Amino acid sequence: MKQSPTPQQFSCFSAFYPYYLNEHKNRTCRWLHFIGTLLVIMLSLLTVYWSEPKILLFVPVVGYGFAWIGHFIFEKNRPATFKAPFYSLLADFRLFADMLMGKYH
């Protein structure tokens, strides 16, 4: 497993996102993130629609499950979640939006 350099403390999200993209070069990894994020959004909406908070228990399993498979099997690096959890979560949704708009495949 290749080890990425330890990131400096990022002062803002715009400084973190290029680092995040560099850690997600593999197309399959990006698509696994996209699927995981889509399922997280769907589960969150179902939680509200069905008024069933127990559904939220599956959100981290689905979100992290797809992402970590992408990193450990395809990208061969450690998820950015371990280095910058908040920025990483924001970046997952930003990547999702970027992919919806066709910016990344």
C-alpha atoms as a PDB file:
ATOM      1  CA  MET A   1       0.000   0.000   0.000  1.00  0.00           C
ATOM      2  CA  LYS A   2       1.567   3.269  -1.031  1.00  0.00           C
ATOM      3  CA  GLN A   3       1.832   5.819   1.708  1.00  0.00           C
ATOM      4  CA  SER A   4       0.899   9.364   0.799  1.00  0.00           C
ATOM      5  CA  PRO A   5       2.816  12.203   2.382  1.00  0.00           C
ATOM      6  CA  THR A   6       1.453  13.507   5.641  1.00  0.00           C
ATOM      7  CA  PRO A   7      -0.593  16.597   4.754  1.00  0.00           C
ATOM      8  CA  GLN A   8       0.168  19.895   6.394  1.00  0.00           C
ATOM      9  CA  GLN A   9      -2.598  21.405   8.478  1.00  0.00           C
ATOM     10  CA  PHE A  10      -4.951  22.780   5.871  1.00  0.00           C
ATOM     11  CA  SER A  11      -6.144  26.268   6.693  1.00  0.00           C
ATOM     12  CA  CYS A  12      -9.201  26.060   4.454  1.00  0.00           C
ATOM     13  CA  PHE A  13     -11.189  23.649   2.335  1.00  0.00           C
ATOM     14  CA  SER A  14      -9.952  25.144  -0.937  1.00  0.00           C
ATOM     15  CA  ALA A  15      -6.402  24.209   0.098  1.00  0.00           C
ATOM     16  CA  PHE A  16      -7.471  20.675   1.060  1.00  0.00           C
ATOM     17  CA  TYR A  17      -9.496  19.760  -2.044  1.00  0.00           C
ATOM     18  CA  PRO A  18      -6.528  19.466  -4.471  1.00  0.00           C
ATOM     19  CA  TYR A  19      -4.855  17.139  -1.962  1.00  0.00           C
ATOM     20  CA  TYR A  20      -8.095  15.131  -1.740  1.00  0.00           C
ATOM     21  CA  LEU A  21      -8.298  14.839  -5.536  1.00  0.00           C
ATOM     22  CA  ASN A  22      -4.697  13.663  -5.655  1.00  0.00           C
ATOM     23  CA  GLU A  23      -5.654  10.861  -3.260  1.00  0.00           C
ATOM     24  CA  HIS A  24      -8.523   9.856  -5.602  1.00  0.00           C
ATOM     25  CA  LYS A  25      -6.807   9.441  -8.974  1.00  0.00           C
ATOM     26  CA  ASN A  26      -8.173   5.968  -9.612  1.00  0.00           C
ATOM     27  CA  ARG A  27     -11.429   6.049 -11.585  1.00  0.00           C
ATOM     28  CA  THR A  28     -12.922   3.020  -9.796  1.00  0.00           C
ATOM     29  CA  CYS A  29     -12.158   4.591  -6.430  1.00  0.00           C
ATOM     30  CA  ARG A  30     -13.933   7.813  -7.461  1.00  0.00           C
ATOM     31  CA  TRP A  31     -16.976   5.848  -8.688  1.00  0.00           C
ATOM     32  CA  LEU A  32     -17.126   3.866  -5.460  1.00  0.00           C
ATOM     33  CA  HIS A  33     -17.115   7.176  -3.573  1.00  0.00           C
ATOM     34  CA  PHE A  34     -19.888   8.440  -5.855  1.00  0.00           C
ATOM     35  CA  ILE A  35     -22.036   5.337  -5.245  1.00  0.00           C
ATOM     36  CA  GLY A  36     -21.435   5.465  -1.491  1.00  0.00           C
ATOM     37  CA  THR A  37     -22.328   9.152  -1.314  1.00  0.00           C
ATOM     38  CA  LEU A  38     -25.441   8.616  -3.432  1.00  0.00           C
ATOM     39  CA  LEU A  39     -26.564   5.821  -1.098  1.00  0.00           C
ATOM     40  CA  VAL A  40     -25.881   8.026   1.939  1.00  0.00           C
ATOM     41  CA  ILE A  41     -28.093  10.744   0.448  1.00  0.00           C
ATOM     42  CA  MET A  42     -30.813   8.219  -0.367  1.00  0.00           C
ATOM     43  CA  LEU A  43     -30.715   6.675   3.122  1.00  0.00           C
ATOM     44  CA  SER A  44     -30.894  10.126   4.689  1.00  0.00           C
ATOM     45  CA  LEU A  45     -33.936  11.012   2.592  1.00  0.00           C
ATOM     46  CA  LEU A  46     -35.602   7.699   3.432  1.00  0.00           C
ATOM     47  CA  THR A  47     -34.974   8.377   7.120  1.00  0.00           C
ATOM     48  CA  VAL A  48     -36.963  11.593   6.841  1.00  0.00           C
ATOM     49  CA  TYR A  49     -39.638  10.176   4.516  1.00  0.00           C
ATOM     50  CA  TRP A  50     -40.319   7.121   6.668  1.00  0.00           C
ATOM     51  CA  SER A  51     -39.590   8.913   9.980  1.00  0.00           C
ATOM     52  CA  GLU A  52     -37.297   6.024  10.860  1.00  0.00           C
ATOM     53  CA  PRO A  53     -34.054   7.207  12.496  1.00  0.00           C
ATOM     54  CA  LYS A  54     -32.673   3.660  12.715  1.00  0.00           C
ATOM     55  CA  ILE A  55     -31.910   3.871   9.001  1.00  0.00           C
ATOM     56  CA  LEU A  56     -29.149   6.343   9.881  1.00  0.00           C
ATOM     57  CA  LEU A  57     -27.192   3.471  11.424  1.00  0.00           C
ATOM     58  CA  PHE A  58     -26.429   2.307   7.881  1.00  0.00           C
ATOM     59  CA  VAL A  59     -25.130   5.679   6.684  1.00  0.00           C
ATOM     60  CA  PRO A  60     -21.529   5.320   7.935  1.00  0.00           C
ATOM     61  CA  VAL A  61     -21.387   1.653   6.925  1.00  0.00           C
ATOM     62  CA  VAL A  62     -22.460   2.432   3.368  1.00  0.00           C
ATOM     63  CA  GLY A  63     -20.527   5.691   3.023  1.00  0.00           C
ATOM     64  CA  TYR A  64     -17.254   4.459   4.452  1.00  0.00           C
ATOM     65  CA  GLY A  65     -17.656   0.934   3.092  1.00  0.00           C
ATOM     66  CA  PHE A  66     -17.650   1.950  -0.549  1.00  0.00           C
ATOM     67  CA  ALA A  67     -14.956   4.587  -0.028  1.00  0.00           C
ATOM     68  CA  TRP A  68     -12.612   2.287   1.875  1.00  0.00           C
ATOM     69  CA  ILE A  69     -12.937  -0.492  -0.688  1.00  0.00           C
ATOM     70  CA  GLY A  70     -11.945   2.098  -3.274  1.00  0.00           C
ATOM     71  CA  HIS A  71      -8.905   3.173  -1.297  1.00  0.00           C
ATOM     72  CA  PHE A  72      -7.602  -0.139  -0.009  1.00  0.00           C
ATOM     73  CA  ILE A  73      -8.209  -2.218  -3.157  1.00  0.00           C
ATOM     74  CA  PHE A  74      -8.011   0.202  -6.091  1.00  0.00           C
ATOM     75  CA  GLU A  75      -6.218   3.368  -4.962  1.00  0.00           C
ATOM     76  CA  LYS A  76      -3.897   1.512  -2.568  1.00  0.00           C
ATOM     77  CA  ASN A  77      -3.694   4.378  -0.086  1.00  0.00           C
ATOM     78  CA  ARG A  78      -5.252   5.393   3.198  1.00  0.00           C
ATOM     79  CA  PRO A  79      -8.514   7.347   3.100  1.00  0.00           C
ATOM     80  CA  ALA A  80      -8.214  11.097   3.703  1.00  0.00           C
ATOM     81  CA  THR A  81     -10.810  10.585   6.449  1.00  0.00           C
ATOM     82  CA  PHE A  82      -7.996   9.546   8.775  1.00  0.00           C
ATOM     83  CA  LYS A  83      -6.054  12.748   8.156  1.00  0.00           C
ATOM     84  CA  ALA A  84      -8.746  15.427   7.931  1.00  0.00           C
ATOM     85  CA  PRO A  85     -12.201  14.001   8.787  1.00  0.00           C
ATOM     86  CA  PHE A  86     -14.307  17.156   8.379  1.00  0.00           C
ATOM     87  CA  TYR A  87     -12.681  18.343   5.164  1.00  0.00           C
ATOM     88  CA  SER A  88     -12.780  14.796   3.836  1.00  0.00           C
ATOM     89  CA  LEU A  89     -16.540  14.580   4.369  1.00  0.00           C
ATOM     90  CA  LEU A  90     -17.048  17.914   2.617  1.00  0.00           C
ATOM     91  CA  ALA A  91     -14.768  16.776  -0.206  1.00  0.00           C
ATOM     92  CA  ASP A  92     -16.806  13.583  -0.682  1.00  0.00           C
ATOM     93  CA  PHE A  93     -19.884  15.687  -1.384  1.00  0.00           C
ATOM     94  CA  ARG A  94     -17.908  18.111  -3.551  1.00  0.00           C
ATOM     95  CA  LEU A  95     -16.526  15.206  -5.607  1.00  0.00           C
ATOM     96  CA  PHE A  96     -20.060  13.810  -5.896  1.00  0.00           C
ATOM     97  CA  ALA A  97     -21.304  17.163  -7.252  1.00  0.00           C
ATOM     98  CA  ASP A  98     -18.302  17.489  -9.583  1.00  0.00           C
ATOM     99  CA  MET A  99     -18.963  14.010 -10.973  1.00  0.00           C
ATOM    100  CA  LEU A 100     -22.664  14.788 -11.451  1.00  0.00           C
ATOM    101  CA  MET A 101     -21.611  17.790 -13.528  1.00  0.00           C
ATOM    102  CA  GLY A 102     -19.244  15.614 -15.600  1.00  0.00           C
ATOM    103  CA  LYS A 103     -16.020  17.092 -14.293  1.00  0.00           C
ATOM    104  CA  TYR A 104     -14.564  13.695 -13.308  1.00  0.00           C
ATOM    105  CA  HIS A 105     -15.399  10.238 -14.607  1.00  0.00           C
END
